mmCIF file of all heavy atoms, coordinates in Angstrom:
data_MODEL
# 
_entry.id   MODEL 
# 
loop_
_atom_site.group_PDB 
_atom_site.id 
_atom_site.type_symbol 
_atom_site.label_atom_id 
_atom_site.label_alt_id 
_atom_site.label_comp_id 
_atom_site.label_asym_id 
_atom_site.label_entity_id 
_atom_site.label_seq_id 
_atom_site.pdbx_PDB_ins_code 
_atom_site.Cartn_x 
_atom_site.Cartn_y 
_atom_site.Cartn_z 
_atom_site.occupancy 
_atom_site.B_iso_or_equiv 
_atom_site.pdbx_formal_charge 
_atom_site.auth_seq_id 
_atom_site.auth_comp_id 
_atom_site.auth_asym_id 
_atom_site.auth_atom_id 
_atom_site.pdbx_PDB_model_num 
ATOM 1   N N   . TYR A 1 1  ? -10.476 -8.622  -1.959  1.00 0.00 ? 1  TYR A N   1 
ATOM 2   C CA  . TYR A 1 1  ? -9.243  -9.102  -2.571  1.00 0.00 ? 1  TYR A CA  1 
ATOM 3   C C   . TYR A 1 1  ? -8.966  -8.346  -3.877  1.00 0.00 ? 1  TYR A C   1 
ATOM 4   O O   . TYR A 1 1  ? -7.850  -7.886  -4.115  1.00 0.00 ? 1  TYR A O   1 
ATOM 5   C CB  . TYR A 1 1  ? -9.328  -10.609 -2.823  1.00 0.00 ? 1  TYR A CB  1 
ATOM 6   C CG  . TYR A 1 1  ? -8.147  -11.174 -3.545  1.00 0.00 ? 1  TYR A CG  1 
ATOM 7   C CD1 . TYR A 1 1  ? -6.927  -11.345 -2.881  1.00 0.00 ? 1  TYR A CD1 1 
ATOM 8   C CD2 . TYR A 1 1  ? -8.217  -11.521 -4.888  1.00 0.00 ? 1  TYR A CD2 1 
ATOM 9   C CE1 . TYR A 1 1  ? -5.827  -11.854 -3.543  1.00 0.00 ? 1  TYR A CE1 1 
ATOM 10  C CE2 . TYR A 1 1  ? -7.117  -12.032 -5.551  1.00 0.00 ? 1  TYR A CE2 1 
ATOM 11  C CZ  . TYR A 1 1  ? -5.927  -12.195 -4.879  1.00 0.00 ? 1  TYR A CZ  1 
ATOM 12  O OH  . TYR A 1 1  ? -4.840  -12.692 -5.528  1.00 0.00 ? 1  TYR A OH  1 
ATOM 13  N N   . LEU A 1 2  ? -9.981  -8.204  -4.714  1.00 0.00 ? 2  LEU A N   1 
ATOM 14  C CA  . LEU A 1 2  ? -9.812  -7.470  -5.973  1.00 0.00 ? 2  LEU A CA  1 
ATOM 15  C C   . LEU A 1 2  ? -9.454  -6.013  -5.718  1.00 0.00 ? 2  LEU A C   1 
ATOM 16  O O   . LEU A 1 2  ? -8.622  -5.432  -6.413  1.00 0.00 ? 2  LEU A O   1 
ATOM 17  C CB  . LEU A 1 2  ? -11.086 -7.565  -6.816  1.00 0.00 ? 2  LEU A CB  1 
ATOM 18  C CG  . LEU A 1 2  ? -11.392 -8.957  -7.377  1.00 0.00 ? 2  LEU A CG  1 
ATOM 19  C CD1 . LEU A 1 2  ? -12.767 -8.971  -8.040  1.00 0.00 ? 2  LEU A CD1 1 
ATOM 20  C CD2 . LEU A 1 2  ? -10.310 -9.405  -8.347  1.00 0.00 ? 2  LEU A CD2 1 
ATOM 21  N N   . LEU A 1 3  ? -10.071 -5.459  -4.733  1.00 0.00 ? 3  LEU A N   1 
ATOM 22  C CA  . LEU A 1 3  ? -9.774  -4.080  -4.362  1.00 0.00 ? 3  LEU A CA  1 
ATOM 23  C C   . LEU A 1 3  ? -8.321  -3.949  -3.923  1.00 0.00 ? 3  LEU A C   1 
ATOM 24  O O   . LEU A 1 3  ? -7.609  -3.024  -4.333  1.00 0.00 ? 3  LEU A O   1 
ATOM 25  C CB  . LEU A 1 3  ? -10.712 -3.643  -3.239  1.00 0.00 ? 3  LEU A CB  1 
ATOM 26  C CG  . LEU A 1 3  ? -10.610 -2.227  -2.731  1.00 0.00 ? 3  LEU A CG  1 
ATOM 27  C CD1 . LEU A 1 3  ? -11.024 -1.258  -3.822  1.00 0.00 ? 3  LEU A CD1 1 
ATOM 28  C CD2 . LEU A 1 3  ? -11.516 -2.059  -1.530  1.00 0.00 ? 3  LEU A CD2 1 
ATOM 29  N N   . LEU A 1 4  ? -7.878  -4.885  -3.124  1.00 0.00 ? 4  LEU A N   1 
ATOM 30  C CA  . LEU A 1 4  ? -6.507  -4.844  -2.640  1.00 0.00 ? 4  LEU A CA  1 
ATOM 31  C C   . LEU A 1 4  ? -5.504  -5.145  -3.749  1.00 0.00 ? 4  LEU A C   1 
ATOM 32  O O   . LEU A 1 4  ? -4.390  -4.621  -3.739  1.00 0.00 ? 4  LEU A O   1 
ATOM 33  C CB  . LEU A 1 4  ? -6.330  -5.796  -1.463  1.00 0.00 ? 4  LEU A CB  1 
ATOM 34  C CG  . LEU A 1 4  ? -7.119  -5.376  -0.223  1.00 0.00 ? 4  LEU A CG  1 
ATOM 35  C CD1 . LEU A 1 4  ? -7.039  -6.453  0.843   1.00 0.00 ? 4  LEU A CD1 1 
ATOM 36  C CD2 . LEU A 1 4  ? -6.644  -4.057  0.312   1.00 0.00 ? 4  LEU A CD2 1 
ATOM 37  N N   . LEU A 1 5  ? -5.898  -5.952  -4.729  1.00 0.00 ? 5  LEU A N   1 
ATOM 38  C CA  . LEU A 1 5  ? -5.036  -6.171  -5.886  1.00 0.00 ? 5  LEU A CA  1 
ATOM 39  C C   . LEU A 1 5  ? -4.825  -4.869  -6.651  1.00 0.00 ? 5  LEU A C   1 
ATOM 40  O O   . LEU A 1 5  ? -3.731  -4.573  -7.118  1.00 0.00 ? 5  LEU A O   1 
ATOM 41  C CB  . LEU A 1 5  ? -5.656  -7.212  -6.831  1.00 0.00 ? 5  LEU A CB  1 
ATOM 42  C CG  . LEU A 1 5  ? -5.361  -8.662  -6.522  1.00 0.00 ? 5  LEU A CG  1 
ATOM 43  C CD1 . LEU A 1 5  ? -6.097  -9.560  -7.497  1.00 0.00 ? 5  LEU A CD1 1 
ATOM 44  C CD2 . LEU A 1 5  ? -3.886  -8.937  -6.567  1.00 0.00 ? 5  LEU A CD2 1 
ATOM 45  N N   . THR A 1 6  ? -5.888  -4.108  -6.763  1.00 0.00 ? 6  THR A N   1 
ATOM 46  C CA  . THR A 1 6  ? -5.792  -2.814  -7.432  1.00 0.00 ? 6  THR A CA  1 
ATOM 47  C C   . THR A 1 6  ? -4.787  -1.936  -6.714  1.00 0.00 ? 6  THR A C   1 
ATOM 48  O O   . THR A 1 6  ? -3.953  -1.277  -7.336  1.00 0.00 ? 6  THR A O   1 
ATOM 49  C CB  . THR A 1 6  ? -7.167  -2.117  -7.464  1.00 0.00 ? 6  THR A CB  1 
ATOM 50  O OG1 . THR A 1 6  ? -8.088  -2.974  -8.139  1.00 0.00 ? 6  THR A OG1 1 
ATOM 51  C CG2 . THR A 1 6  ? -7.097  -0.787  -8.170  1.00 0.00 ? 6  THR A CG2 1 
ATOM 52  N N   . VAL A 1 7  ? -4.859  -1.926  -5.410  1.00 0.00 ? 7  VAL A N   1 
ATOM 53  C CA  . VAL A 1 7  ? -3.924  -1.145  -4.610  1.00 0.00 ? 7  VAL A CA  1 
ATOM 54  C C   . VAL A 1 7  ? -2.520  -1.702  -4.757  1.00 0.00 ? 7  VAL A C   1 
ATOM 55  O O   . VAL A 1 7  ? -1.541  -0.956  -4.776  1.00 0.00 ? 7  VAL A O   1 
ATOM 56  C CB  . VAL A 1 7  ? -4.346  -1.144  -3.125  1.00 0.00 ? 7  VAL A CB  1 
ATOM 57  C CG1 . VAL A 1 7  ? -3.286  -0.522  -2.259  1.00 0.00 ? 7  VAL A CG1 1 
ATOM 58  C CG2 . VAL A 1 7  ? -5.659  -0.407  -2.960  1.00 0.00 ? 7  VAL A CG2 1 
ATOM 59  N N   . GLY A 1 8  ? -2.390  -3.007  -4.897  1.00 0.00 ? 8  GLY A N   1 
ATOM 60  C CA  . GLY A 1 8  ? -1.094  -3.665  -4.920  1.00 0.00 ? 8  GLY A CA  1 
ATOM 61  C C   . GLY A 1 8  ? -0.338  -3.562  -6.229  1.00 0.00 ? 8  GLY A C   1 
ATOM 62  O O   . GLY A 1 8  ? 0.762   -4.082  -6.344  1.00 0.00 ? 8  GLY A O   1 
ATOM 63  N N   . ILE A 1 9  ? -0.878  -2.858  -7.222  1.00 0.00 ? 9  ILE A N   1 
ATOM 64  C CA  . ILE A 1 9  ? -0.203  -2.738  -8.504  1.00 0.00 ? 9  ILE A CA  1 
ATOM 65  C C   . ILE A 1 9  ? 1.200   -2.169  -8.324  1.00 0.00 ? 9  ILE A C   1 
ATOM 66  O O   . ILE A 1 9  ? 2.148   -2.597  -8.936  1.00 0.00 ? 9  ILE A O   1 
ATOM 67  C CB  . ILE A 1 9  ? -1.046  -1.895  -9.489  1.00 0.00 ? 9  ILE A CB  1 
ATOM 68  C CG1 . ILE A 1 9  ? -2.275  -2.695  -9.899  1.00 0.00 ? 9  ILE A CG1 1 
ATOM 69  C CG2 . ILE A 1 9  ? -0.238  -1.480  -10.707 1.00 0.00 ? 9  ILE A CG2 1 
ATOM 70  C CD1 . ILE A 1 9  ? -3.280  -1.920  -10.702 1.00 0.00 ? 9  ILE A CD1 1 
ATOM 71  N N   . SER A 1 10 ? 1.314   -1.196  -7.487  1.00 0.00 ? 10 SER A N   1 
ATOM 72  C CA  . SER A 1 10 ? 2.636   -0.641  -7.194  1.00 0.00 ? 10 SER A CA  1 
ATOM 73  C C   . SER A 1 10 ? 2.942   -0.900  -5.721  1.00 0.00 ? 10 SER A C   1 
ATOM 74  O O   . SER A 1 10 ? 2.999   -0.006  -4.908  1.00 0.00 ? 10 SER A O   1 
ATOM 75  C CB  . SER A 1 10 ? 2.674   0.851   -7.501  1.00 0.00 ? 10 SER A CB  1 
ATOM 76  O OG  . SER A 1 10 ? 1.678   1.519   -6.774  1.00 0.00 ? 10 SER A OG  1 
ATOM 77  N N   . ALA A 1 11 ? 3.151   -2.157  -5.380  1.00 0.00 ? 11 ALA A N   1 
ATOM 78  C CA  . ALA A 1 11 ? 3.225   -2.598  -3.982  1.00 0.00 ? 11 ALA A CA  1 
ATOM 79  C C   . ALA A 1 11 ? 4.373   -1.975  -3.203  1.00 0.00 ? 11 ALA A C   1 
ATOM 80  O O   . ALA A 1 11 ? 4.209   -1.646  -2.042  1.00 0.00 ? 11 ALA A O   1 
ATOM 81  C CB  . ALA A 1 11 ? 3.314   -4.123  -3.924  1.00 0.00 ? 11 ALA A CB  1 
ATOM 82  N N   . THR A 1 12 ? 5.528   -1.824  -3.789  1.00 0.00 ? 12 THR A N   1 
ATOM 83  C CA  . THR A 1 12 ? 6.657   -1.308  -3.020  1.00 0.00 ? 12 THR A CA  1 
ATOM 84  C C   . THR A 1 12 ? 6.406   0.108   -2.540  1.00 0.00 ? 12 THR A C   1 
ATOM 85  O O   . THR A 1 12 ? 6.521   0.381   -1.348  1.00 0.00 ? 12 THR A O   1 
ATOM 86  C CB  . THR A 1 12 ? 7.955   -1.411  -3.838  1.00 0.00 ? 12 THR A CB  1 
ATOM 87  O OG1 . THR A 1 12 ? 8.127   -2.765  -4.216  1.00 0.00 ? 12 THR A OG1 1 
ATOM 88  C CG2 . THR A 1 12 ? 9.141   -0.941  -3.037  1.00 0.00 ? 12 THR A CG2 1 
ATOM 89  N N   . PRO A 1 13 ? 6.043   1.056   -3.429  1.00 0.00 ? 13 PRO A N   1 
ATOM 90  C CA  . PRO A 1 13 ? 5.730   2.396   -2.919  1.00 0.00 ? 13 PRO A CA  1 
ATOM 91  C C   . PRO A 1 13 ? 4.528   2.373   -1.975  1.00 0.00 ? 13 PRO A C   1 
ATOM 92  O O   . PRO A 1 13 ? 4.499   3.116   -1.002  1.00 0.00 ? 13 PRO A O   1 
ATOM 93  C CB  . PRO A 1 13 ? 5.414   3.208   -4.177  1.00 0.00 ? 13 PRO A CB  1 
ATOM 94  C CG  . PRO A 1 13 ? 6.007   2.450   -5.306  1.00 0.00 ? 13 PRO A CG  1 
ATOM 95  C CD  . PRO A 1 13 ? 6.032   1.014   -4.881  1.00 0.00 ? 13 PRO A CD  1 
ATOM 96  N N   . LEU A 1 14 ? 3.572   1.517   -2.259  1.00 0.00 ? 14 LEU A N   1 
ATOM 97  C CA  . LEU A 1 14 ? 2.395   1.430   -1.401  1.00 0.00 ? 14 LEU A CA  1 
ATOM 98  C C   . LEU A 1 14 ? 2.801   0.995   0.000   1.00 0.00 ? 14 LEU A C   1 
ATOM 99  O O   . LEU A 1 14 ? 2.377   1.587   0.985   1.00 0.00 ? 14 LEU A O   1 
ATOM 100 C CB  . LEU A 1 14 ? 1.368   0.465   -1.978  1.00 0.00 ? 14 LEU A CB  1 
ATOM 101 C CG  . LEU A 1 14 ? 0.138   0.226   -1.114  1.00 0.00 ? 14 LEU A CG  1 
ATOM 102 C CD1 . LEU A 1 14 ? -0.664  1.518   -0.969  1.00 0.00 ? 14 LEU A CD1 1 
ATOM 103 C CD2 . LEU A 1 14 ? -0.720  -0.863  -1.695  1.00 0.00 ? 14 LEU A CD2 1 
ATOM 104 N N   . ARG A 1 15 ? 3.629   -0.036  0.091   1.00 0.00 ? 15 ARG A N   1 
ATOM 105 C CA  . ARG A 1 15 ? 4.077   -0.506  1.403   1.00 0.00 ? 15 ARG A CA  1 
ATOM 106 C C   . ARG A 1 15 ? 4.763   0.611   2.179   1.00 0.00 ? 15 ARG A C   1 
ATOM 107 O O   . ARG A 1 15 ? 4.536   0.783   3.363   1.00 0.00 ? 15 ARG A O   1 
ATOM 108 C CB  . ARG A 1 15 ? 5.039   -1.685  1.253   1.00 0.00 ? 15 ARG A CB  1 
ATOM 109 C CG  . ARG A 1 15 ? 4.415   -2.993  1.627   1.00 0.00 ? 15 ARG A CG  1 
ATOM 110 C CD  . ARG A 1 15 ? 5.417   -4.068  1.567   1.00 0.00 ? 15 ARG A CD  1 
ATOM 111 N NE  . ARG A 1 15 ? 5.692   -4.286  0.155   1.00 0.00 ? 15 ARG A NE  1 
ATOM 112 C CZ  . ARG A 1 15 ? 6.637   -5.044  -0.327  1.00 0.00 ? 15 ARG A CZ  1 
ATOM 113 N NH1 . ARG A 1 15 ? 7.428   -5.679  0.473   1.00 0.00 ? 15 ARG A NH1 1 
ATOM 114 N NH2 . ARG A 1 15 ? 6.817   -5.185  -1.609  1.00 0.00 ? 15 ARG A NH2 1 
ATOM 115 N N   . SER A 1 16 ? 5.593   1.349   1.489   1.00 0.00 ? 16 SER A N   1 
ATOM 116 C CA  . SER A 1 16 ? 6.291   2.460   2.118   1.00 0.00 ? 16 SER A CA  1 
ATOM 117 C C   . SER A 1 16 ? 5.288   3.507   2.605   1.00 0.00 ? 16 SER A C   1 
ATOM 118 O O   . SER A 1 16 ? 5.396   4.008   3.728   1.00 0.00 ? 16 SER A O   1 
ATOM 119 C CB  . SER A 1 16 ? 7.265   3.071   1.115   1.00 0.00 ? 16 SER A CB  1 
ATOM 120 O OG  . SER A 1 16 ? 7.831   4.235   1.638   1.00 0.00 ? 16 SER A OG  1 
ATOM 121 N N   . ASN A 1 17 ? 4.313   3.836   1.766   1.00 0.00 ? 17 ASN A N   1 
ATOM 122 C CA  . ASN A 1 17 ? 3.289   4.818   2.141   1.00 0.00 ? 17 ASN A CA  1 
ATOM 123 C C   . ASN A 1 17 ? 2.463   4.320   3.324   1.00 0.00 ? 17 ASN A C   1 
ATOM 124 O O   . ASN A 1 17 ? 2.141   5.096   4.225   1.00 0.00 ? 17 ASN A O   1 
ATOM 125 C CB  . ASN A 1 17 ? 2.368   5.117   0.964   1.00 0.00 ? 17 ASN A CB  1 
ATOM 126 C CG  . ASN A 1 17 ? 3.064   5.895   -0.132  1.00 0.00 ? 17 ASN A CG  1 
ATOM 127 O OD1 . ASN A 1 17 ? 4.096   6.508   0.085   1.00 0.00 ? 17 ASN A OD1 1 
ATOM 128 N ND2 . ASN A 1 17 ? 2.499   5.854   -1.319  1.00 0.00 ? 17 ASN A ND2 1 
ATOM 129 N N   . LEU A 1 18 ? 2.108   3.050   3.314   1.00 0.00 ? 18 LEU A N   1 
ATOM 130 C CA  . LEU A 1 18 ? 1.298   2.496   4.396   1.00 0.00 ? 18 LEU A CA  1 
ATOM 131 C C   . LEU A 1 18 ? 2.082   2.483   5.702   1.00 0.00 ? 18 LEU A C   1 
ATOM 132 O O   . LEU A 1 18 ? 1.523   2.765   6.765   1.00 0.00 ? 18 LEU A O   1 
ATOM 133 C CB  . LEU A 1 18 ? 0.800   1.098   4.038   1.00 0.00 ? 18 LEU A CB  1 
ATOM 134 C CG  . LEU A 1 18 ? -0.222  1.041   2.896   1.00 0.00 ? 18 LEU A CG  1 
ATOM 135 C CD1 . LEU A 1 18 ? -0.520  -0.404  2.521   1.00 0.00 ? 18 LEU A CD1 1 
ATOM 136 C CD2 . LEU A 1 18 ? -1.494  1.785   3.245   1.00 0.00 ? 18 LEU A CD2 1 
ATOM 137 N N   . ALA A 1 19 ? 3.370   2.179   5.626   1.00 0.00 ? 19 ALA A N   1 
ATOM 138 C CA  . ALA A 1 19 ? 4.199   2.204   6.832   1.00 0.00 ? 19 ALA A CA  1 
ATOM 139 C C   . ALA A 1 19 ? 4.289   3.633   7.381   1.00 0.00 ? 19 ALA A C   1 
ATOM 140 O O   . ALA A 1 19 ? 4.222   3.850   8.595   1.00 0.00 ? 19 ALA A O   1 
ATOM 141 C CB  . ALA A 1 19 ? 5.594   1.665   6.518   1.00 0.00 ? 19 ALA A CB  1 
ATOM 142 N N   . GLU A 1 20 ? 4.412   4.590   6.478   1.00 0.00 ? 20 GLU A N   1 
ATOM 143 C CA  . GLU A 1 20 ? 4.453   5.991   6.898   1.00 0.00 ? 20 GLU A CA  1 
ATOM 144 C C   . GLU A 1 20 ? 3.134   6.397   7.549   1.00 0.00 ? 20 GLU A C   1 
ATOM 145 O O   . GLU A 1 20 ? 3.121   7.088   8.573   1.00 0.00 ? 20 GLU A O   1 
ATOM 146 C CB  . GLU A 1 20 ? 4.734   6.881   5.686   1.00 0.00 ? 20 GLU A CB  1 
ATOM 147 C CG  . GLU A 1 20 ? 4.838   8.349   6.017   1.00 0.00 ? 20 GLU A CG  1 
ATOM 148 C CD  . GLU A 1 20 ? 5.067   9.200   4.777   1.00 0.00 ? 20 GLU A CD  1 
ATOM 149 O OE1 . GLU A 1 20 ? 5.618   8.685   3.781   1.00 0.00 ? 20 GLU A OE1 1 
ATOM 150 O OE2 . GLU A 1 20 ? 4.690   10.377  4.823   1.00 0.00 ? 20 GLU A OE2 1 
ATOM 151 N N   . LEU A 1 21 ? 2.023   5.946   6.974   1.00 0.00 ? 21 LEU A N   1 
ATOM 152 C CA  . LEU A 1 21 ? 0.708   6.247   7.554   1.00 0.00 ? 21 LEU A CA  1 
ATOM 153 C C   . LEU A 1 21 ? 0.590   5.666   8.957   1.00 0.00 ? 21 LEU A C   1 
ATOM 154 O O   . LEU A 1 21 ? 0.041   6.310   9.857   1.00 0.00 ? 21 LEU A O   1 
ATOM 155 C CB  . LEU A 1 21 ? -0.417  5.714   6.668   1.00 0.00 ? 21 LEU A CB  1 
ATOM 156 C CG  . LEU A 1 21 ? -0.629  6.428   5.335   1.00 0.00 ? 21 LEU A CG  1 
ATOM 157 C CD1 . LEU A 1 21 ? -1.732  5.728   4.538   1.00 0.00 ? 21 LEU A CD1 1 
ATOM 158 C CD2 . LEU A 1 21 ? -0.966  7.893   5.539   1.00 0.00 ? 21 LEU A CD2 1 
ATOM 159 N N   . GLN A 1 22 ? 1.103   4.462   9.157   1.00 0.00 ? 22 GLN A N   1 
ATOM 160 C CA  . GLN A 1 22 ? 1.057   3.844   10.485  1.00 0.00 ? 22 GLN A CA  1 
ATOM 161 C C   . GLN A 1 22 ? 1.834   4.688   11.503  1.00 0.00 ? 22 GLN A C   1 
ATOM 162 O O   . GLN A 1 22 ? 1.392   4.867   12.637  1.00 0.00 ? 22 GLN A O   1 
ATOM 163 C CB  . GLN A 1 22 ? 1.640   2.420   10.452  1.00 0.00 ? 22 GLN A CB  1 
ATOM 164 C CG  . GLN A 1 22 ? 0.717   1.403   9.854   1.00 0.00 ? 22 GLN A CG  1 
ATOM 165 C CD  . GLN A 1 22 ? -0.454  1.061   10.746  1.00 0.00 ? 22 GLN A CD  1 
ATOM 166 O OE1 . GLN A 1 22 ? -0.774  1.726   11.737  1.00 0.00 ? 22 GLN A OE1 1 
ATOM 167 N NE2 . GLN A 1 22 ? -1.154  0.008   10.390  1.00 0.00 ? 22 GLN A NE2 1 
ATOM 168 N N   . THR A 1 23 ? 2.972   5.203   11.084  1.00 0.00 ? 23 THR A N   1 
ATOM 169 C CA  . THR A 1 23 ? 3.774   6.050   11.974  1.00 0.00 ? 23 THR A CA  1 
ATOM 170 C C   . THR A 1 23 ? 3.003   7.309   12.350  1.00 0.00 ? 23 THR A C   1 
ATOM 171 O O   . THR A 1 23 ? 2.953   7.698   13.518  1.00 0.00 ? 23 THR A O   1 
ATOM 172 C CB  . THR A 1 23 ? 5.107   6.422   11.297  1.00 0.00 ? 23 THR A CB  1 
ATOM 173 O OG1 . THR A 1 23 ? 5.800   5.212   10.982  1.00 0.00 ? 23 THR A OG1 1 
ATOM 174 C CG2 . THR A 1 23 ? 5.970   7.281   12.202  1.00 0.00 ? 23 THR A CG2 1 
ATOM 175 N N   . TRP A 1 24 ? 2.403   7.945   11.349  1.00 0.00 ? 24 TRP A N   1 
ATOM 176 C CA  . TRP A 1 24 ? 1.595   9.145   11.612  1.00 0.00 ? 24 TRP A CA  1 
ATOM 177 C C   . TRP A 1 24 ? 0.430   8.826   12.533  1.00 0.00 ? 24 TRP A C   1 
ATOM 178 O O   . TRP A 1 24 ? 0.120   9.584   13.452  1.00 0.00 ? 24 TRP A O   1 
ATOM 179 C CB  . TRP A 1 24 ? 1.077   9.738   10.303  1.00 0.00 ? 24 TRP A CB  1 
ATOM 180 C CG  . TRP A 1 24 ? 2.064   10.608  9.597   1.00 0.00 ? 24 TRP A CG  1 
ATOM 181 C CD1 . TRP A 1 24 ? 2.725   10.326  8.439   1.00 0.00 ? 24 TRP A CD1 1 
ATOM 182 C CD2 . TRP A 1 24 ? 2.517   11.896  10.004  1.00 0.00 ? 24 TRP A CD2 1 
ATOM 183 N NE1 . TRP A 1 24 ? 3.554   11.357  8.111   1.00 0.00 ? 24 TRP A NE1 1 
ATOM 184 C CE2 . TRP A 1 24 ? 3.450   12.340  9.042   1.00 0.00 ? 24 TRP A CE2 1 
ATOM 185 C CE3 . TRP A 1 24 ? 2.225   12.724  11.085  1.00 0.00 ? 24 TRP A CE3 1 
ATOM 186 C CZ2 . TRP A 1 24 ? 4.083   13.570  9.130   1.00 0.00 ? 24 TRP A CZ2 1 
ATOM 187 C CZ3 . TRP A 1 24 ? 2.858   13.961  11.174  1.00 0.00 ? 24 TRP A CZ3 1 
ATOM 188 C CH2 . TRP A 1 24 ? 3.775   14.367  10.213  1.00 0.00 ? 24 TRP A CH2 1 
# 
């Protein structure tokens, strides 16, 4: 959870990047 909070600091760009990774 703490690790994911660190990732979630900039959640909007992260979500976009993660969605792009899923497509790839």
